Amino acid sequence: MTANTYKPGQITALYARLSQEDTLEGDSNSIVNQKAVLSKYAADNGFSNPVFFIDDGVSGVTFDRPNFNRMIAEIEAGNVATVIVKDMSRLGRDYLKVGYYTEIFFVERDVRYIAINDGVDSAKGDNDFTPFRNLFNDFYAKDTSKKVRAIKRAQGQAGEHLTKPPYGYIVSPTDKKQWIVDEEAAAVVKRIFDLCVGGKGPAQIAKILKADNVLIAKAYYAKKKGKTLPDSPYDWRDSTIVGILERMDYCGHTAHKIGNRQTAQ
């Protein structure tokens, strides 16, 4: 497609994407920043009928994104003349799939593709550095994933909790990385263990708690938040009792799943 050649009704697709990992880079890749850059470029260069397609909080590794899919559907319907992104990584970080869209999909459908900061414009011929940028973006995604796993591993090894606290604990108001005992719920947990030590099985314990009108965890949390209690608020299940009895946190351990290995501290 030649520069700014549009058929009646065609739009300029302005695509913006931000993942959770991208927020580590600061405000330069924020959705607000991307929209400002895209809007200015479209206005300054005479691109008509601009329409935003925005995926916020979605990784560039996956291409199953709600608004990316919506944009692709518009392209397949022949409604898009040009796709503009701030840079190549906004389209995606899987170099094979990005290459498919930029080198095959857009070309076959006569869609012009522009990546502003990378100087890529399909109407002006091939950019020799485009494949290298795609490779770099793919490497960046994999490297970021490794860093996130390393951070989680370090937090686990330091005894920091990586999940929400189980029934009987709450997050410390002074240290969000630590749990403290929720006395009211902890009394129920202690009773469950005492009944087990006394020879009661999970089904028997569940029956006792139900008979004594002890709120199940979901109902207990609802009550604390001033919300309506769920149906059957005292309906303890033996599977719930088993889950509590088997949970290492109640024995003073912190367990974390790291890769395919279970580590405990």
Protein backbone atom coordinates (compact mmCIF):
# COMPACT_ATOMS: atom_id res chain seq x y z
CA MET A 1 0.00 0.00 0.00
CA THR A 2 1.31 3.44 -0.86
CA ALA A 3 1.50 6.16 1.75
CA ASN A 4 -1.89 7.17 3.17
CA THR A 5 -3.95 5.46 0.44
CA TYR A 6 -7.29 4.51 1.97
CA LYS A 7 -10.41 2.88 0.64
CA PRO A 8 -13.76 4.31 1.82
CA GLY A 9 -14.41 3.49 5.46
CA GLN A 10 -10.93 2.17 6.23
CA ILE A 11 -9.27 3.11 9.52
CA THR A 12 -5.81 3.64 10.95
CA ALA A 13 -5.35 1.08 13.73
CA LEU A 14 -3.31 2.53 16.59
CA TYR A 15 -2.23 -0.44 18.70
CA ALA A 16 -0.92 -0.09 22.27
CA ARG A 17 0.03 -2.84 24.72
CA LEU A 18 1.39 -2.92 28.25
CA SER A 19 2.30 -5.97 30.33
CA GLN A 20 3.03 -6.12 34.05
CA GLU A 21 6.72 -6.60 33.25
CA ASP A 22 6.73 -3.44 31.11
CA THR A 23 5.81 -1.36 34.16
CA LEU A 24 9.32 -2.04 35.49
CA GLU A 25 10.63 0.23 32.73
CA GLY A 26 8.83 3.27 34.13
CA ASP A 27 6.32 5.57 32.45
CA SER A 28 7.86 5.53 28.96
CA ASN A 29 5.77 2.53 27.92
CA SER A 30 2.59 3.42 29.81
CA ILE A 31 -0.66 3.25 27.89
CA VAL A 32 -1.09 7.00 28.32
CA ASN A 33 2.36 7.62 26.84
CA GLN A 34 1.78 5.21 23.95
CA LYS A 35 -1.56 6.82 23.11
CA ALA A 36 0.01 10.28 23.11
CA VAL A 37 2.84 9.17 20.80
CA LEU A 38 0.48 7.36 18.43
CA SER A 39 -2.04 10.21 18.29
CA LYS A 40 0.63 12.81 17.54
CA TYR A 41 2.25 10.67 14.85
CA ALA A 42 -1.08 9.99 13.14
CA ALA A 43 -2.05 13.66 13.22
CA ASP A 44 1.36 14.95 12.10
CA ASN A 45 1.54 12.51 9.19
CA GLY A 46 -2.01 12.76 7.89
CA PHE A 47 -3.35 9.34 8.87
CA SER A 48 -7.14 9.49 8.87
CA ASN A 49 -9.80 7.69 10.91
CA PRO A 50 -7.54 6.69 13.83
CA VAL A 51 -8.96 3.99 16.11
CA PHE A 52 -7.23 2.71 19.26
CA PHE A 53 -6.85 -0.98 20.06
CA ILE A 54 -5.45 -1.33 23.59
CA ASP A 55 -4.38 -4.39 25.60
CA ASP A 56 -3.42 -3.35 29.12
CA GLY A 57 -1.74 -5.87 31.40
CA VAL A 58 -1.20 -8.50 28.69
CA SER A 59 2.15 -10.14 27.93
CA GLY A 60 3.72 -9.67 24.52
CA VAL A 61 4.57 -13.36 24.39
CA THR A 62 0.95 -14.36 23.87
CA PHE A 63 -0.99 -13.20 20.82
CA ASP A 64 -4.33 -14.21 22.28
CA ARG A 65 -5.16 -10.67 23.39
CA PRO A 66 -8.73 -9.29 23.30
CA ASN A 67 -8.08 -6.08 21.40
CA PHE A 68 -5.27 -7.47 19.27
CA ASN A 69 -7.74 -10.13 18.13
CA ARG A 70 -10.32 -7.42 17.48
CA MET A 71 -7.80 -5.51 15.35
CA ILE A 72 -6.92 -8.67 13.40
CA ALA A 73 -10.62 -9.28 12.75
CA GLU A 74 -10.95 -5.74 11.37
CA ILE A 75 -7.93 -6.34 9.13
CA GLU A 76 -9.38 -9.60 7.83
CA ALA A 77 -12.62 -7.75 7.08
CA GLY A 78 -10.65 -5.27 4.97
CA ASN A 79 -11.38 -2.35 7.28
CA VAL A 80 -7.78 -1.40 8.17
CA ALA A 81 -5.37 0.47 5.92
CA THR A 82 -2.52 1.06 8.37
CA VAL A 83 -1.35 -0.37 11.69
CA ILE A 84 0.83 1.89 13.83
CA VAL A 85 2.64 0.94 17.05
CA LYS A 86 5.08 2.86 19.20
CA ASP A 87 7.76 0.19 18.69
CA MET A 88 8.07 -3.39 17.51
CA SER A 89 7.79 -4.85 21.02
CA ARG A 90 4.28 -3.41 21.41
CA LEU A 91 3.08 -5.74 18.65
CA GLY A 92 4.68 -8.68 20.45
CA ARG A 93 7.82 -10.30 21.84
CA ASP A 94 7.70 -13.63 19.99
CA TYR A 95 9.89 -12.94 16.96
CA LEU A 96 8.44 -15.75 14.85
CA LYS A 97 4.85 -14.59 15.29
CA VAL A 98 5.74 -10.91 14.92
CA GLY A 99 7.57 -11.82 11.72
CA TYR A 100 4.50 -13.66 10.46
CA TYR A 101 2.28 -10.63 10.96
CA THR A 102 4.71 -8.04 9.60
CA GLU A 103 6.15 -10.06 6.70
CA ILE A 104 3.14 -12.13 5.62
CA PHE A 105 -0.23 -11.28 7.20
CA PHE A 106 -0.09 -7.49 6.74
CA VAL A 107 1.52 -7.75 3.30
CA GLU A 108 -1.06 -10.19 1.95
CA ARG A 109 -3.85 -7.87 3.08
CA ASP A 110 -2.20 -4.70 1.77
CA VAL A 111 -1.90 -3.21 5.26
CA ARG A 112 0.83 -0.68 5.90
CA TYR A 113 2.77 -1.30 9.13
CA ILE A 114 4.65 1.38 11.08
CA ALA A 115 6.72 1.04 14.26
CA ILE A 116 7.52 4.65 15.11
CA ASN A 117 10.54 4.44 17.42
CA ASP A 118 12.17 1.68 15.37
CA GLY A 119 11.91 3.56 12.09
CA VAL A 120 9.94 0.72 10.48
CA ASP A 121 7.52 1.63 7.68
CA SER A 122 6.49 -1.06 5.23
CA ALA A 123 5.56 1.58 2.64
CA LYS A 124 9.21 2.66 2.48
CA GLY A 125 10.71 -0.76 1.90
CA ASP A 126 12.35 -3.37 4.12
CA ASN A 127 14.22 -2.42 7.26
CA ASP A 128 17.32 -4.60 7.61
CA PHE A 129 17.26 -4.32 11.40
CA THR A 130 13.65 -5.47 11.86
CA PRO A 131 14.47 -9.21 12.28
CA PHE A 132 17.14 -8.33 14.85
CA ARG A 133 14.67 -6.20 16.81
CA ASN A 134 12.22 -9.10 16.81
CA LEU A 135 14.94 -11.43 18.09
CA PHE A 136 15.88 -8.93 20.81
CA ASN A 137 12.26 -8.54 21.91
CA ASP A 138 11.89 -12.33 22.06
CA PHE A 139 15.07 -12.56 24.15
CA TYR A 140 13.86 -9.74 26.41
CA ALA A 141 10.60 -11.57 27.13
CA LYS A 142 12.42 -14.78 28.05
CA ASP A 143 15.03 -12.90 30.10
CA THR A 144 12.32 -11.01 32.00
CA SER A 145 10.53 -14.28 32.75
CA LYS A 146 13.75 -15.72 34.18
CA LYS A 147 14.27 -12.60 36.32
CA VAL A 148 10.73 -12.79 37.71
CA ARG A 149 11.23 -16.46 38.63
CA ALA A 150 14.58 -15.60 40.24
CA ILE A 151 12.95 -12.86 42.31
CA LYS A 152 10.20 -15.22 43.47
CA ARG A 153 12.79 -17.88 44.30
CA ALA A 154 14.83 -15.39 46.35
CA GLN A 155 11.70 -14.24 48.18
CA GLY A 156 10.81 -17.83 49.00
CA GLN A 157 14.31 -18.61 50.23
CA ALA A 158 14.15 -15.51 52.44
CA GLY A 159 10.98 -16.83 54.06
CA GLU A 160 8.69 -14.31 52.40
CA HIS A 161 5.18 -15.50 51.60
CA LEU A 162 4.26 -15.52 47.92
CA THR A 163 0.57 -16.36 48.30
CA LYS A 164 -2.41 -15.10 50.23
CA PRO A 165 -2.45 -16.22 53.88
CA PRO A 166 -4.48 -19.36 54.64
CA TYR A 167 -7.42 -19.47 57.03
CA GLY A 168 -6.05 -18.66 60.50
CA TYR A 169 -3.54 -16.06 59.31
CA ILE A 170 -3.74 -12.48 58.06
CA VAL A 171 -1.23 -10.19 56.39
CA SER A 172 0.76 -8.17 58.90
CA PRO A 173 -0.31 -4.50 58.86
CA THR A 174 3.32 -3.45 59.37
CA ASP A 175 4.99 -5.86 56.92
CA LYS A 176 2.99 -6.95 53.88
CA LYS A 177 5.46 -9.78 53.24
CA GLN A 178 4.68 -11.50 56.53
CA TRP A 179 1.68 -13.23 58.07
CA ILE A 180 0.42 -12.93 61.63
CA VAL A 181 -2.07 -15.10 63.50
CA ASP A 182 -5.77 -14.30 63.17
CA GLU A 183 -6.75 -15.29 66.70
CA GLU A 184 -10.43 -16.01 66.05
CA ALA A 185 -9.84 -18.25 63.02
CA ALA A 186 -6.70 -19.74 64.56
CA ALA A 187 -8.78 -21.02 67.46
CA VAL A 188 -10.85 -23.02 64.97
CA VAL A 189 -7.72 -24.39 63.30
CA LYS A 190 -6.32 -25.41 66.70
CA ARG A 191 -9.59 -27.12 67.53
CA ILE A 192 -9.44 -29.08 64.26
CA PHE A 193 -5.94 -30.32 65.09
CA ASP A 194 -6.96 -31.15 68.67
CA LEU A 195 -9.93 -33.18 67.43
CA CYS A 196 -7.66 -35.00 64.98
CA VAL A 197 -5.14 -35.82 67.70
CA GLY A 198 -8.08 -37.04 69.79
CA GLY A 199 -8.87 -39.62 67.13
CA LYS A 200 -11.56 -37.87 65.11
CA GLY A 201 -11.50 -38.23 61.31
CA PRO A 202 -12.11 -35.39 58.81
CA ALA A 203 -15.80 -36.26 58.31
CA GLN A 204 -16.38 -36.40 62.08
CA ILE A 205 -14.60 -33.08 62.62
CA ALA A 206 -16.65 -31.42 59.87
CA LYS A 207 -19.85 -32.72 61.48
CA ILE A 208 -18.84 -31.37 64.90
CA LEU A 209 -18.02 -27.89 63.56
CA LYS A 210 -21.29 -27.78 61.65
CA ALA A 211 -23.27 -28.82 64.73
CA ASP A 212 -21.58 -26.06 66.74
CA ASN A 213 -22.42 -23.43 64.08
CA VAL A 214 -18.78 -22.63 63.36
CA LEU A 215 -18.58 -20.46 60.25
CA ILE A 216 -16.75 -21.92 57.28
CA ALA A 217 -13.81 -19.85 56.02
CA LYS A 218 -15.78 -18.15 53.22
CA ALA A 219 -18.54 -17.14 55.63
CA TYR A 220 -16.02 -16.01 58.23
CA TYR A 221 -14.32 -13.65 55.77
CA ALA A 222 -17.70 -12.32 54.62
CA LYS A 223 -18.68 -11.59 58.23
CA LYS A 224 -15.39 -9.76 58.89
CA LYS A 225 -15.98 -7.55 55.83
CA GLY A 226 -19.60 -6.89 56.76
CA LYS A 227 -20.91 -8.75 53.72
CA THR A 228 -23.87 -11.10 53.37
CA LEU A 229 -23.06 -14.62 54.48
CA PRO A 230 -23.08 -17.30 51.78
CA ASP A 231 -25.64 -20.08 51.72
CA SER A 232 -24.92 -22.90 54.18
CA PRO A 233 -22.39 -20.85 56.21
CA TYR A 234 -21.72 -23.76 58.60
CA ASP A 235 -21.42 -26.51 55.98
CA TRP A 236 -17.90 -27.77 56.64
CA ARG A 237 -16.60 -30.38 54.17
CA ASP A 238 -14.27 -33.21 55.10
CA SER A 239 -12.05 -32.20 52.14
CA THR A 240 -11.60 -28.77 53.74
CA ILE A 241 -10.58 -30.40 57.01
CA VAL A 242 -8.05 -32.58 55.17
CA GLY A 243 -6.62 -29.50 53.45
CA ILE A 244 -6.10 -27.76 56.78
CA LEU A 245 -4.52 -30.79 58.43
CA GLU A 246 -2.11 -31.29 55.52
CA ARG A 247 -1.05 -27.65 55.19
CA MET A 248 2.54 -27.14 56.34
CA ASP A 249 1.97 -23.49 57.33
CA TYR A 250 0.07 -24.61 60.41
CA CYS A 251 3.12 -26.54 61.57
CA GLY A 252 5.44 -23.53 61.45
CA HIS A 253 6.83 -24.18 57.95
CA THR A 254 6.83 -21.97 54.87
CA ALA A 255 6.50 -23.99 51.68
CA HIS A 256 7.04 -22.63 48.19
CA LYS A 257 6.72 -24.23 44.80
CA ILE A 258 9.85 -23.44 42.81
CA GLY A 259 9.81 -24.83 39.29
CA ASN A 260 9.03 -28.50 39.68
CA ARG A 261 10.62 -28.77 43.11
CA GLN A 262 8.97 -28.27 46.49
CA THR A 263 11.19 -26.40 48.93
CA ALA A 264 10.41 -25.87 52.58
CA GLN A 265 11.91 -23.61 55.20
